[in-house]
Amino acid sequence: VLVVSELTTNAVIHAHSPFVVRVEVAIDSVRVEISDENCERPTMSDGAQSSLGGHGLLIVDRLASEWGVVTTPAGKVVFAEFQTSAAQ
């Protein structure tokens, strides 16, 4: 839930466009995708403790098994995948 919150917050703050949340559940994983109409790729902050905000992708990076960004003709998709206990 925290990762979905961070990714949707990023879409609200930075995309300035409608966005779609998609969740795929498989036997061994869960994949969350946030697609928006902004082609600009997100950047991860350096993690400085003094900065307010900007830590969302650091949180995603720590919690997700894998994450990334795919640019599309309509914008981009930011995804995060999580392995379930069935995968272990």
Protein backbone atom coordinates (compact mmCIF):
# COMPACT_ATOMS: atom_id res chain seq x y z
CA VAL A 1 0.00 0.00 0.00
CA LEU A 2 2.85 2.41 0.80
CA VAL A 3 4.40 1.98 -2.66
CA VAL A 4 1.05 2.57 -4.38
CA SER A 5 0.62 5.72 -2.29
CA GLU A 6 4.09 6.98 -3.21
CA LEU A 7 3.65 6.30 -6.93
CA THR A 8 0.19 7.87 -7.11
CA THR A 9 1.40 10.89 -5.13
CA ASN A 10 4.21 11.32 -7.67
CA ALA A 11 1.64 11.17 -10.49
CA VAL A 12 -0.55 13.80 -8.81
CA ILE A 13 2.36 16.16 -8.10
CA HIS A 14 4.45 15.74 -11.25
CA ALA A 15 2.38 14.36 -14.14
CA HIS A 16 -0.23 17.14 -14.30
CA SER A 17 -2.46 14.73 -16.23
CA PRO A 18 -4.96 11.98 -15.55
CA PHE A 19 -3.38 8.70 -14.48
CA VAL A 20 -4.40 5.05 -14.26
CA VAL A 21 -3.52 2.56 -11.52
CA ARG A 22 -3.29 -1.06 -12.59
CA VAL A 23 -2.61 -4.04 -10.34
CA GLU A 24 -1.75 -7.52 -11.64
CA VAL A 25 -1.76 -10.42 -9.21
CA ALA A 26 0.01 -13.66 -10.16
CA ILE A 27 0.78 -16.78 -8.16
CA ASP A 28 4.27 -15.57 -7.25
CA SER A 29 4.10 -11.79 -7.62
CA VAL A 30 2.10 -8.58 -7.54
CA ARG A 31 2.77 -5.83 -10.08
CA VAL A 32 1.53 -2.25 -9.68
CA GLU A 33 1.59 0.15 -12.64
CA ILE A 34 0.85 3.86 -12.69
CA SER A 35 0.47 5.25 -16.21
CA ASP A 36 0.19 8.96 -16.99
CA GLU A 37 0.43 11.31 -19.97
CA ASN A 38 3.73 12.95 -19.00
CA CYS A 39 6.77 11.57 -20.88
CA GLU A 40 9.29 12.95 -18.37
CA ARG A 41 11.02 10.14 -16.49
CA PRO A 42 11.05 10.45 -12.70
CA THR A 43 14.39 10.82 -10.95
CA MET A 44 15.36 9.43 -7.57
CA SER A 45 16.56 11.93 -4.96
CA ASP A 46 19.93 11.55 -3.28
CA GLY A 47 18.19 10.73 -0.01
CA ALA A 48 19.32 13.84 1.88
CA GLN A 49 17.59 13.81 5.25
CA SER A 50 17.18 17.57 5.24
CA SER A 51 15.02 17.75 2.11
CA LEU A 52 11.26 17.80 2.49
CA GLY A 53 9.68 15.28 0.17
CA GLY A 54 11.38 13.66 -2.77
CA HIS A 55 11.83 10.32 -1.04
CA GLY A 56 9.05 8.40 -2.80
CA LEU A 57 11.23 6.54 -5.30
CA LEU A 58 13.75 5.73 -2.57
CA ILE A 59 10.93 4.05 -0.66
CA VAL A 60 9.82 2.20 -3.80
CA ASP A 61 13.41 1.12 -4.45
CA ARG A 62 13.77 -0.28 -0.91
CA LEU A 63 10.45 -2.14 -0.81
CA ALA A 64 9.90 -3.45 -4.36
CA SER A 65 11.62 -6.53 -5.74
CA GLU A 66 11.95 -4.62 -9.01
CA TRP A 67 10.74 -1.29 -10.35
CA GLY A 68 11.22 0.84 -13.41
CA VAL A 69 9.85 3.27 -15.96
CA VAL A 70 8.70 2.55 -19.49
CA THR A 71 8.08 5.46 -21.85
CA THR A 72 5.14 5.07 -24.20
CA PRO A 73 3.82 7.18 -27.09
CA ALA A 74 1.11 8.41 -24.70
CA GLY A 75 3.37 9.15 -21.70
CA LYS A 76 4.97 6.69 -19.28
CA VAL A 77 4.32 3.75 -17.01
CA VAL A 78 6.04 3.47 -13.63
CA PHE A 79 5.88 -0.06 -12.28
CA ALA A 80 6.82 -1.88 -9.10
CA GLU A 81 6.86 -5.64 -8.63
CA PHE A 82 6.75 -7.62 -5.41
CA GLN A 83 7.50 -11.31 -4.99
CA THR A 84 4.98 -13.16 -2.85
CA SER A 85 5.76 -15.97 -0.45
CA ALA A 86 4.77 -18.46 -3.18
CA ALA A 87 7.87 -17.35 -5.12
CA GLN A 88 10.23 -18.21 -2.28
